[in-house]
Amino acid sequence: MIAFFAFFIIFLLSLAQKSFAHCPLCVAATGSVVAASRVMGVDDAITGTFAGAFIISTALWTDKMLSKRKVHLPLQPYLLSALFITMTFAGFYLFGFVGTEPGFLSIMGIERLSFGIIAGSLIVLISYEAHNFLRKSNSGRNHIPFQGILVPIIALVIFDVLMYVAGVFG
């Protein structure tokens, strides 16, 4: 019975077509996470750091996919990042996730979610460069498995913990 089930699953997977997520789907997924984290009481700034990381990671992934298909534009990674951030903020504004927070809850005059998205985006870009530096220092190989994923996640967690301890996030 288990062998039949395994064969059936493998057969179904072999029928699968390629699918590529597009930005409205990413905005909906990120918006769902923001809504769920608000229900659970997680600070918007913390949620925003991971949302910003997701946005930039998706933009860089799209850049890599387009480059493999020989699509090259001047400043392509930057244009894609700006486009993805703009589309995400537009979606968040339409659904009321940004533009509704009272000023006294902001961080340096910026809404908490927006501040988190900006911070998360910058952290991922910096940690991506750190990953590249670590990789070059080891003859083009990772020091640890999944280094490209772990470096940004660890950087985001350290940033969020430091901001929480400093009383900025709460």
N, C-alpha and C. Protein backbone atom coordinates (compact mmCIF):
# COMPACT_ATOMS: atom_id res chain seq x y z
N MET A 1 0.82 -1.20 0.00
CA MET A 1 0.00 0.00 0.00
C MET A 1 0.87 1.26 0.00
N ILE A 2 1.93 1.28 0.82
CA ILE A 2 2.81 2.43 0.88
C ILE A 2 3.52 2.61 -0.46
N ALA A 3 3.93 1.52 -1.08
CA ALA A 3 4.60 1.60 -2.38
C ALA A 3 3.65 2.18 -3.43
N PHE A 4 2.39 1.75 -3.40
CA PHE A 4 1.41 2.30 -4.34
C PHE A 4 1.22 3.79 -4.12
N PHE A 5 1.11 4.20 -2.86
CA PHE A 5 0.93 5.62 -2.53
C PHE A 5 2.14 6.44 -3.00
N ALA A 6 3.34 5.94 -2.76
CA ALA A 6 4.56 6.63 -3.20
C ALA A 6 4.60 6.74 -4.72
N PHE A 7 4.25 5.65 -5.42
CA PHE A 7 4.21 5.68 -6.88
C PHE A 7 3.19 6.70 -7.37
N PHE A 8 2.03 6.74 -6.73
CA PHE A 8 0.97 7.67 -7.12
C PHE A 8 1.43 9.12 -6.95
N ILE A 9 2.09 9.43 -5.84
CA ILE A 9 2.59 10.79 -5.59
C ILE A 9 3.65 11.15 -6.64
N ILE A 10 4.57 10.25 -6.91
CA ILE A 10 5.60 10.51 -7.92
C ILE A 10 4.97 10.72 -9.29
N PHE A 11 3.95 9.92 -9.60
CA PHE A 11 3.24 10.09 -10.87
C PHE A 11 2.59 11.46 -10.96
N LEU A 12 1.93 11.89 -9.89
CA LEU A 12 1.29 13.21 -9.89
C LEU A 12 2.31 14.33 -10.03
N LEU A 13 3.44 14.20 -9.34
CA LEU A 13 4.48 15.22 -9.44
C LEU A 13 5.08 15.28 -10.84
N SER A 14 5.13 14.15 -11.53
CA SER A 14 5.68 14.16 -12.89
C SER A 14 4.76 14.88 -13.87
N LEU A 15 3.48 15.01 -13.53
CA LEU A 15 2.53 15.71 -14.39
C LEU A 15 2.52 17.21 -14.17
N ALA A 16 3.17 17.67 -13.12
CA ALA A 16 3.13 19.09 -12.76
C ALA A 16 3.81 19.94 -13.83
N GLN A 17 3.23 21.08 -14.09
CA GLN A 17 3.78 22.05 -15.02
C GLN A 17 4.59 23.07 -14.23
N LYS A 18 5.47 23.79 -14.93
CA LYS A 18 6.21 24.86 -14.27
C LYS A 18 5.24 25.98 -13.91
N SER A 19 5.46 26.56 -12.76
CA SER A 19 4.64 27.72 -12.39
C SER A 19 5.57 28.76 -11.79
N PHE A 20 5.26 30.01 -12.08
CA PHE A 20 6.06 31.11 -11.58
C PHE A 20 5.14 32.08 -10.85
N ALA A 21 5.51 32.41 -9.62
CA ALA A 21 4.71 33.37 -8.86
C ALA A 21 4.90 34.75 -9.46
N HIS A 22 3.87 35.54 -9.41
CA HIS A 22 3.98 36.92 -9.87
C HIS A 22 3.67 37.84 -8.71
N CYS A 23 3.96 39.09 -8.88
CA CYS A 23 3.94 40.01 -7.76
C CYS A 23 2.59 40.11 -7.03
N PRO A 24 1.45 40.12 -7.71
CA PRO A 24 0.20 40.18 -6.94
C PRO A 24 0.06 39.02 -5.96
N LEU A 25 0.52 37.85 -6.35
CA LEU A 25 0.48 36.71 -5.45
C LEU A 25 1.40 36.94 -4.25
N CYS A 26 2.58 37.49 -4.51
CA CYS A 26 3.52 37.78 -3.43
C CYS A 26 2.95 38.83 -2.48
N VAL A 27 2.30 39.85 -3.04
CA VAL A 27 1.69 40.88 -2.19
C VAL A 27 0.60 40.26 -1.34
N ALA A 28 -0.21 39.39 -1.93
CA ALA A 28 -1.28 38.75 -1.17
C ALA A 28 -0.71 37.88 -0.05
N ALA A 29 0.35 37.14 -0.36
CA ALA A 29 0.96 36.28 0.66
C ALA A 29 1.56 37.12 1.78
N THR A 30 2.27 38.18 1.42
CA THR A 30 2.87 39.04 2.43
C THR A 30 1.80 39.75 3.24
N GLY A 31 0.74 40.20 2.57
CA GLY A 31 -0.37 40.83 3.27
C GLY A 31 -1.04 39.89 4.24
N SER A 32 -1.15 38.63 3.87
CA SER A 32 -1.73 37.63 4.77
C SER A 32 -0.87 37.45 6.01
N VAL A 33 0.44 37.45 5.82
CA VAL A 33 1.35 37.32 6.96
C VAL A 33 1.22 38.54 7.87
N VAL A 34 1.13 39.73 7.28
CA VAL A 34 0.97 40.95 8.08
C VAL A 34 -0.32 40.88 8.89
N ALA A 35 -1.41 40.49 8.25
CA ALA A 35 -2.69 40.40 8.95
C ALA A 35 -2.63 39.36 10.07
N ALA A 36 -2.05 38.20 9.78
CA ALA A 36 -1.96 37.15 10.79
C ALA A 36 -1.07 37.58 11.95
N SER A 37 0.03 38.25 11.65
CA SER A 37 0.93 38.68 12.73
C SER A 37 0.28 39.76 13.59
N ARG A 38 -0.55 40.61 12.98
CA ARG A 38 -1.27 41.61 13.77
C ARG A 38 -2.26 40.95 14.72
N VAL A 39 -2.92 39.90 14.25
CA VAL A 39 -3.85 39.17 15.11
C VAL A 39 -3.11 38.53 16.27
N MET A 40 -1.90 38.04 16.02
CA MET A 40 -1.11 37.40 17.07
C MET A 40 -0.37 38.39 17.95
N GLY A 41 -0.43 39.68 17.62
CA GLY A 41 0.19 40.70 18.46
C GLY A 41 1.65 40.97 18.18
N VAL A 42 2.15 40.53 17.03
CA VAL A 42 3.55 40.79 16.67
C VAL A 42 3.65 42.23 16.18
N ASP A 43 4.67 42.94 16.62
CA ASP A 43 4.88 44.33 16.22
C ASP A 43 5.03 44.43 14.71
N ASP A 44 4.40 45.45 14.11
CA ASP A 44 4.48 45.65 12.66
C ASP A 44 5.91 45.86 12.19
N ALA A 45 6.75 46.47 13.01
CA ALA A 45 8.14 46.71 12.61
C ALA A 45 8.88 45.38 12.44
N ILE A 46 8.62 44.43 13.31
CA ILE A 46 9.26 43.12 13.20
C ILE A 46 8.73 42.39 11.98
N THR A 47 7.42 42.41 11.79
CA THR A 47 6.84 41.78 10.61
C THR A 47 7.38 42.44 9.35
N GLY A 48 7.54 43.75 9.39
CA GLY A 48 8.03 44.49 8.23
C GLY A 48 9.44 44.10 7.84
N THR A 49 10.30 43.79 8.81
CA THR A 49 11.67 43.41 8.45
C THR A 49 11.66 42.13 7.61
N PHE A 50 10.83 41.18 7.99
CA PHE A 50 10.77 39.94 7.22
C PHE A 50 10.03 40.15 5.90
N ALA A 51 9.03 41.03 5.88
CA ALA A 51 8.34 41.35 4.62
C ALA A 51 9.31 42.03 3.66
N GLY A 52 10.11 42.96 4.15
CA GLY A 52 11.11 43.62 3.30
C GLY A 52 12.13 42.63 2.76
N ALA A 53 12.53 41.70 3.62
CA ALA A 53 13.48 40.67 3.18
C ALA A 53 12.86 39.81 2.08
N PHE A 54 11.59 39.47 2.25
CA PHE A 54 10.88 38.67 1.25
C PHE A 54 10.78 39.42 -0.08
N ILE A 55 10.48 40.70 -0.01
CA ILE A 55 10.33 41.50 -1.23
C ILE A 55 11.65 41.55 -2.00
N ILE A 56 12.73 41.86 -1.30
CA ILE A 56 14.04 41.97 -1.98
C ILE A 56 14.50 40.60 -2.47
N SER A 57 14.30 39.56 -1.67
CA SER A 57 14.69 38.22 -2.11
C SER A 57 13.93 37.81 -3.36
N THR A 58 12.65 38.14 -3.42
CA THR A 58 11.85 37.84 -4.61
C THR A 58 12.35 38.63 -5.81
N ALA A 59 12.70 39.89 -5.60
CA ALA A 59 13.22 40.71 -6.69
C ALA A 59 14.55 40.15 -7.20
N LEU A 60 15.43 39.75 -6.29
CA LEU A 60 16.72 39.20 -6.71
C LEU A 60 16.55 37.85 -7.40
N TRP A 61 15.58 37.05 -6.93
CA TRP A 61 15.29 35.78 -7.57
C TRP A 61 14.77 36.02 -8.98
N THR A 62 13.90 36.99 -9.15
CA THR A 62 13.36 37.33 -10.47
C THR A 62 14.48 37.81 -11.39
N ASP A 63 15.39 38.61 -10.85
CA ASP A 63 16.53 39.07 -11.64
C ASP A 63 17.36 37.89 -12.13
N LYS A 64 17.60 36.94 -11.24
CA LYS A 64 18.39 35.76 -11.61
C LYS A 64 17.67 34.94 -12.68
N MET A 65 16.34 34.79 -12.53
CA MET A 65 15.56 34.04 -13.50
C MET A 65 15.58 34.73 -14.87
N LEU A 66 15.43 36.05 -14.88
CA LEU A 66 15.46 36.80 -16.14
C LEU A 66 16.84 36.73 -16.79
N SER A 67 17.89 36.79 -15.97
CA SER A 67 19.25 36.71 -16.50
C SER A 67 19.50 35.36 -17.16
N LYS A 68 18.97 34.29 -16.57
CA LYS A 68 19.11 32.96 -17.18
C LYS A 68 18.40 32.89 -18.52
N ARG A 69 17.36 33.69 -18.69
CA ARG A 69 16.62 33.72 -19.95
C ARG A 69 17.16 34.79 -20.90
N LYS A 70 18.34 35.31 -20.57
CA LYS A 70 19.03 36.31 -21.39
C LYS A 70 18.27 37.63 -21.50
N VAL A 71 17.55 38.01 -20.45
CA VAL A 71 16.87 39.30 -20.40
C VAL A 71 17.70 40.20 -19.49
N HIS A 72 18.29 41.24 -20.08
CA HIS A 72 19.15 42.13 -19.31
C HIS A 72 18.74 43.58 -19.57
N LEU A 73 18.50 44.31 -18.52
CA LEU A 73 18.22 45.74 -18.59
C LEU A 73 19.29 46.47 -17.79
N PRO A 74 19.55 47.73 -18.11
CA PRO A 74 20.48 48.48 -17.27
C PRO A 74 19.92 48.60 -15.85
N LEU A 75 20.75 48.35 -14.87
CA LEU A 75 20.36 48.43 -13.45
C LEU A 75 19.17 47.52 -13.13
N GLN A 76 19.10 46.37 -13.77
CA GLN A 76 17.96 45.47 -13.62
C GLN A 76 17.64 45.08 -12.18
N PRO A 77 18.61 44.68 -11.34
CA PRO A 77 18.25 44.30 -9.97
C PRO A 77 17.65 45.46 -9.19
N TYR A 78 18.16 46.66 -9.43
CA TYR A 78 17.66 47.83 -8.70
C TYR A 78 16.26 48.21 -9.18
N LEU A 79 16.05 48.13 -10.49
CA LEU A 79 14.73 48.43 -11.03
C LEU A 79 13.69 47.43 -10.54
N LEU A 80 14.05 46.15 -10.52
CA LEU A 80 13.12 45.13 -10.03
C LEU A 80 12.82 45.32 -8.55
N SER A 81 13.85 45.63 -7.77
CA SER A 81 13.64 45.86 -6.34
C SER A 81 12.71 47.04 -6.12
N ALA A 82 12.95 48.14 -6.83
CA ALA A 82 12.08 49.32 -6.69
C ALA A 82 10.66 49.00 -7.14
N LEU A 83 10.52 48.26 -8.23
CA LEU A 83 9.20 47.89 -8.73
C LEU A 83 8.45 47.02 -7.72
N PHE A 84 9.14 46.01 -7.16
CA PHE A 84 8.49 45.11 -6.22
C PHE A 84 8.09 45.84 -4.94
N ILE A 85 8.97 46.72 -4.45
CA ILE A 85 8.64 47.48 -3.24
C ILE A 85 7.45 48.40 -3.51
N THR A 86 7.46 49.07 -4.66
CA THR A 86 6.36 49.97 -5.01
C THR A 86 5.05 49.22 -5.13
N MET A 87 5.08 48.07 -5.79
CA MET A 87 3.85 47.29 -5.95
C MET A 87 3.35 46.76 -4.61
N THR A 88 4.27 46.37 -3.74
CA THR A 88 3.86 45.88 -2.43
C THR A 88 3.24 47.00 -1.60
N PHE A 89 3.88 48.17 -1.60
CA PHE A 89 3.32 49.30 -0.85
C PHE A 89 1.97 49.72 -1.42
N ALA A 90 1.82 49.66 -2.75
CA ALA A 90 0.53 50.01 -3.35
C ALA A 90 -0.55 49.04 -2.89
N GLY A 91 -0.22 47.75 -2.89
CA GLY A 91 -1.17 46.75 -2.40
C GLY A 91 -1.48 46.93 -0.92
N PHE A 92 -0.46 47.20 -0.13
CA PHE A 92 -0.68 47.42 1.30
C PHE A 92 -1.53 48.66 1.55
N TYR A 93 -1.32 49.70 0.75
CA TYR A 93 -2.11 50.92 0.91
C TYR A 93 -3.58 50.66 0.56
N LEU A 94 -3.80 49.91 -0.52
CA LEU A 94 -5.17 49.60 -0.92
C LEU A 94 -5.92 48.79 0.13
N PHE A 95 -5.20 47.90 0.82
CA PHE A 95 -5.83 47.06 1.84
C PHE A 95 -5.78 47.69 3.23
N GLY A 96 -5.22 48.88 3.35
CA GLY A 96 -5.21 49.60 4.62
C GLY A 96 -4.14 49.17 5.60
N PHE A 97 -3.10 48.49 5.12
CA PHE A 97 -2.02 48.08 6.02
C PHE A 97 -1.07 49.24 6.31
N VAL A 98 -0.95 50.19 5.39
CA VAL A 98 -0.12 51.38 5.61
C VAL A 98 -0.98 52.61 5.36
N GLY A 99 -0.57 53.71 5.96
CA GLY A 99 -1.29 54.96 5.79
C GLY A 99 -2.39 55.19 6.81
N THR A 100 -2.47 54.32 7.81
CA THR A 100 -3.55 54.44 8.80
C THR A 100 -3.03 54.55 10.23
N GLU A 101 -1.72 54.47 10.44
CA GLU A 101 -1.17 54.44 11.79
C GLU A 101 -1.03 55.85 12.35
N PRO A 102 -1.44 56.07 13.60
CA PRO A 102 -1.26 57.39 14.21
C PRO A 102 0.23 57.75 14.30
N GLY A 103 0.54 59.03 14.19
CA GLY A 103 1.92 59.49 14.17
C GLY A 103 2.72 59.14 15.40
N PHE A 104 2.08 59.07 16.57
CA PHE A 104 2.83 58.80 17.79
C PHE A 104 3.32 57.36 17.87
N LEU A 105 2.84 56.48 17.01
CA LEU A 105 3.30 55.10 17.00
C LEU A 105 4.44 54.86 16.01
N SER A 106 4.85 55.89 15.31
CA SER A 106 5.85 55.73 14.25
C SER A 106 7.26 55.64 14.82
N ILE A 107 8.18 55.22 13.97
CA ILE A 107 9.60 55.16 14.31
C ILE A 107 10.30 56.17 13.41
N MET A 108 10.89 57.20 14.01
CA MET A 108 11.55 58.27 13.27
C MET A 108 10.63 58.89 12.22
N GLY A 109 9.35 59.00 12.54
CA GLY A 109 8.38 59.61 11.64
C GLY A 109 7.88 58.71 10.53
N ILE A 110 8.28 57.45 10.54
CA ILE A 110 7.87 56.49 9.51
C ILE A 110 6.98 55.44 10.18
N GLU A 111 5.91 55.05 9.51
CA GLU A 111 5.05 54.00 10.06
C GLU A 111 5.87 52.75 10.37
N ARG A 112 5.47 52.03 11.40
CA ARG A 112 6.23 50.88 11.86
C ARG A 112 6.41 49.82 10.76
N LEU A 113 5.34 49.51 10.05
CA LEU A 113 5.44 48.50 8.99
C LEU A 113 6.37 48.98 7.88
N SER A 114 6.23 50.23 7.48
CA SER A 114 7.09 50.79 6.43
C SER A 114 8.55 50.82 6.88
N PHE A 115 8.78 51.22 8.13
CA PHE A 115 10.14 51.24 8.67
C PHE A 115 10.74 49.83 8.63
N GLY A 116 9.96 48.85 9.04
CA GLY A 116 10.43 47.47 9.03
C GLY A 116 10.75 46.98 7.63
N ILE A 117 9.91 47.33 6.66
CA ILE A 117 10.15 46.90 5.28
C ILE A 117 11.44 47.52 4.75
N ILE A 118 11.63 48.79 5.02
CA ILE A 118 12.86 49.46 4.56
C ILE A 118 14.08 48.84 5.23
N ALA A 119 14.00 48.64 6.55
CA ALA A 119 15.13 48.04 7.29
C ALA A 119 15.40 46.62 6.81
N GLY A 120 14.36 45.82 6.65
CA GLY A 120 14.53 44.44 6.19
C GLY A 120 15.14 44.37 4.80
N SER A 121 14.72 45.29 3.93
CA SER A 121 15.28 45.33 2.58
C SER A 121 16.77 45.63 2.62
N LEU A 122 17.15 46.63 3.41
CA LEU A 122 18.57 46.99 3.50
C LEU A 122 19.38 45.87 4.14
N ILE A 123 18.82 45.23 5.16
CA ILE A 123 19.54 44.13 5.83
C ILE A 123 19.79 42.99 4.87
N VAL A 124 18.80 42.64 4.06
CA VAL A 124 18.99 41.55 3.11
C VAL A 124 20.04 41.91 2.06
N LEU A 125 20.02 43.13 1.58
CA LEU A 125 21.04 43.53 0.60
C LEU A 125 22.44 43.47 1.20
N ILE A 126 22.59 43.94 2.44
CA ILE A 126 23.89 43.91 3.11
C ILE A 126 24.31 42.47 3.40
N SER A 127 23.37 41.66 3.88
CA SER A 127 23.72 40.27 4.21
C SER A 127 24.02 39.46 2.95
N TYR A 128 23.40 39.82 1.83
CA TYR A 128 23.71 39.16 0.57
C TYR A 128 25.16 39.44 0.18
N GLU A 129 25.59 40.68 0.36
CA GLU A 129 26.99 41.02 0.09
C GLU A 129 27.93 40.31 1.07
N ALA A 130 27.51 40.19 2.34
CA ALA A 130 28.32 39.46 3.32
C ALA A 130 28.45 37.99 2.92
N HIS A 131 27.36 37.40 2.44
CA HIS A 131 27.39 36.02 1.97
C HIS A 131 28.37 35.88 0.81
N ASN A 132 28.32 36.82 -0.14
CA ASN A 132 29.26 36.78 -1.28
C ASN A 132 30.70 36.91 -0.81
N PHE A 133 30.95 37.78 0.16
CA PHE A 133 32.30 37.94 0.71
C PHE A 133 32.77 36.65 1.37
N LEU A 134 31.91 36.04 2.19
CA LEU A 134 32.26 34.79 2.85
C LEU A 134 32.54 33.69 1.83
N ARG A 135 31.76 33.67 0.79
CA ARG A 135 31.93 32.66 -0.24
C ARG A 135 33.25 32.85 -0.99
N LYS A 136 33.58 34.10 -1.32
CA LYS A 136 34.84 34.37 -2.02
C LYS A 136 36.04 34.04 -1.14
N SER A 137 35.90 34.24 0.17
CA SER A 137 37.01 33.95 1.08
C SER A 137 37.23 32.45 1.24
N ASN A 138 36.31 31.63 0.73
CA ASN A 138 36.43 30.18 0.84
C ASN A 138 36.48 29.54 -0.55
N SER A 139 37.16 30.18 -1.47
CA SER A 139 37.36 29.67 -2.84
C SER A 139 36.04 29.40 -3.56
N GLY A 140 35.06 30.27 -3.37
CA GLY A 140 33.79 30.14 -4.08
C GLY A 140 32.84 29.10 -3.52
N ARG A 141 33.12 28.61 -2.32
CA ARG A 141 32.25 27.61 -1.69
C ARG A 141 31.69 28.17 -0.39
N ASN A 142 30.53 27.67 0.00
CA ASN A 142 29.93 28.08 1.27
C ASN A 142 30.73 27.50 2.43
N HIS A 143 30.79 28.24 3.53
CA HIS A 143 31.43 27.72 4.74
C HIS A 143 30.54 26.69 5.41
N ILE A 144 29.24 26.91 5.37
CA ILE A 144 28.27 25.99 5.98
C ILE A 144 27.14 25.75 4.98
N PRO A 145 26.45 24.61 5.09
CA PRO A 145 25.32 24.38 4.19
C PRO A 145 24.24 25.45 4.37
N PHE A 146 23.60 25.83 3.30
CA PHE A 146 22.52 26.82 3.28
C PHE A 146 22.98 28.20 3.78
N GLN A 147 24.23 28.51 3.56
CA GLN A 147 24.79 29.79 4.01
C GLN A 147 24.04 30.97 3.40
N GLY A 148 23.65 30.87 2.14
CA GLY A 148 22.94 31.96 1.48
C GLY A 148 21.59 32.26 2.10
N ILE A 149 21.00 31.29 2.76
CA ILE A 149 19.72 31.48 3.44
C ILE A 149 19.95 31.88 4.90
N LEU A 150 20.92 31.25 5.52
CA LEU A 150 21.15 31.49 6.95
C LEU A 150 21.69 32.88 7.25
N VAL A 151 22.57 33.40 6.41
CA VAL A 151 23.16 34.72 6.68
C VAL A 151 22.09 35.80 6.76
N PRO A 152 21.17 35.91 5.79
CA PRO A 152 20.13 36.94 5.92
C PRO A 152 19.18 36.70 7.10
N ILE A 153 18.81 35.46 7.34
CA ILE A 153 17.88 35.18 8.45
C ILE A 153 18.52 35.53 9.78
N ILE A 154 19.78 35.15 9.97
CA ILE A 154 20.47 35.47 11.22
C ILE A 154 20.61 36.98 11.36
N ALA A 155 20.94 37.67 10.27
CA ALA A 155 21.05 39.14 10.32
C ALA A 155 19.72 39.78 10.69
N LEU A 156 18.62 39.28 10.14
CA LEU A 156 17.29 39.82 10.46
C LEU A 156 16.94 39.58 11.93
N VAL A 157 17.21 38.38 12.41
CA VAL A 157 16.89 38.06 13.81
C VAL A 157 17.73 38.91 14.75
N ILE A 158 19.01 39.06 14.47
CA ILE A 158 19.88 39.89 15.32
C ILE A 158 19.38 41.33 15.33
N PHE A 159 19.03 41.87 14.16
CA PHE A 159 18.51 43.24 14.09
C PHE A 159 17.23 43.38 14.90
N ASP A 160 16.30 42.44 14.73
CA ASP A 160 15.03 42.52 15.46
C ASP A 160 15.23 42.41 16.97
N VAL A 161 16.11 41.52 17.40
CA VAL A 161 16.38 41.37 18.84
C VAL A 161 17.02 42.65 19.38
N LEU A 162 17.99 43.20 18.67
CA LEU A 162 18.63 44.44 19.13
C LEU A 162 17.63 45.59 19.21
N MET A 163 16.76 45.72 18.23
CA MET A 163 15.76 46.78 18.25
C MET A 163 14.73 46.56 19.37
N TYR A 164 14.42 45.30 19.63
CA TYR A 164 13.48 44.99 20.72
C TYR A 164 14.10 45.32 22.07
N VAL A 165 15.36 44.93 22.26
CA VAL A 165 16.06 45.20 23.53
C VAL A 165 16.24 46.70 23.72
N ALA A 166 16.49 47.43 22.63
CA ALA A 166 16.66 48.88 22.72
C ALA A 166 15.34 49.61 22.95
N GLY A 167 14.23 48.89 22.83
CA GLY A 167 12.92 49.49 23.06
C GLY A 167 12.30 50.13 21.84
N VAL A 168 12.92 49.97 20.68
CA VAL A 168 12.36 50.54 19.46
C VAL A 168 11.20 49.69 18.97
N PHE A 169 11.39 48.37 18.97
CA PHE A 169 10.32 47.44 18.60
C PHE A 169 9.70 46.95 19.89
N GLY A 170 8.45 46.68 19.87
CA GLY A 170 7.86 46.18 21.10
C GLY A 170 6.53 45.70 20.90
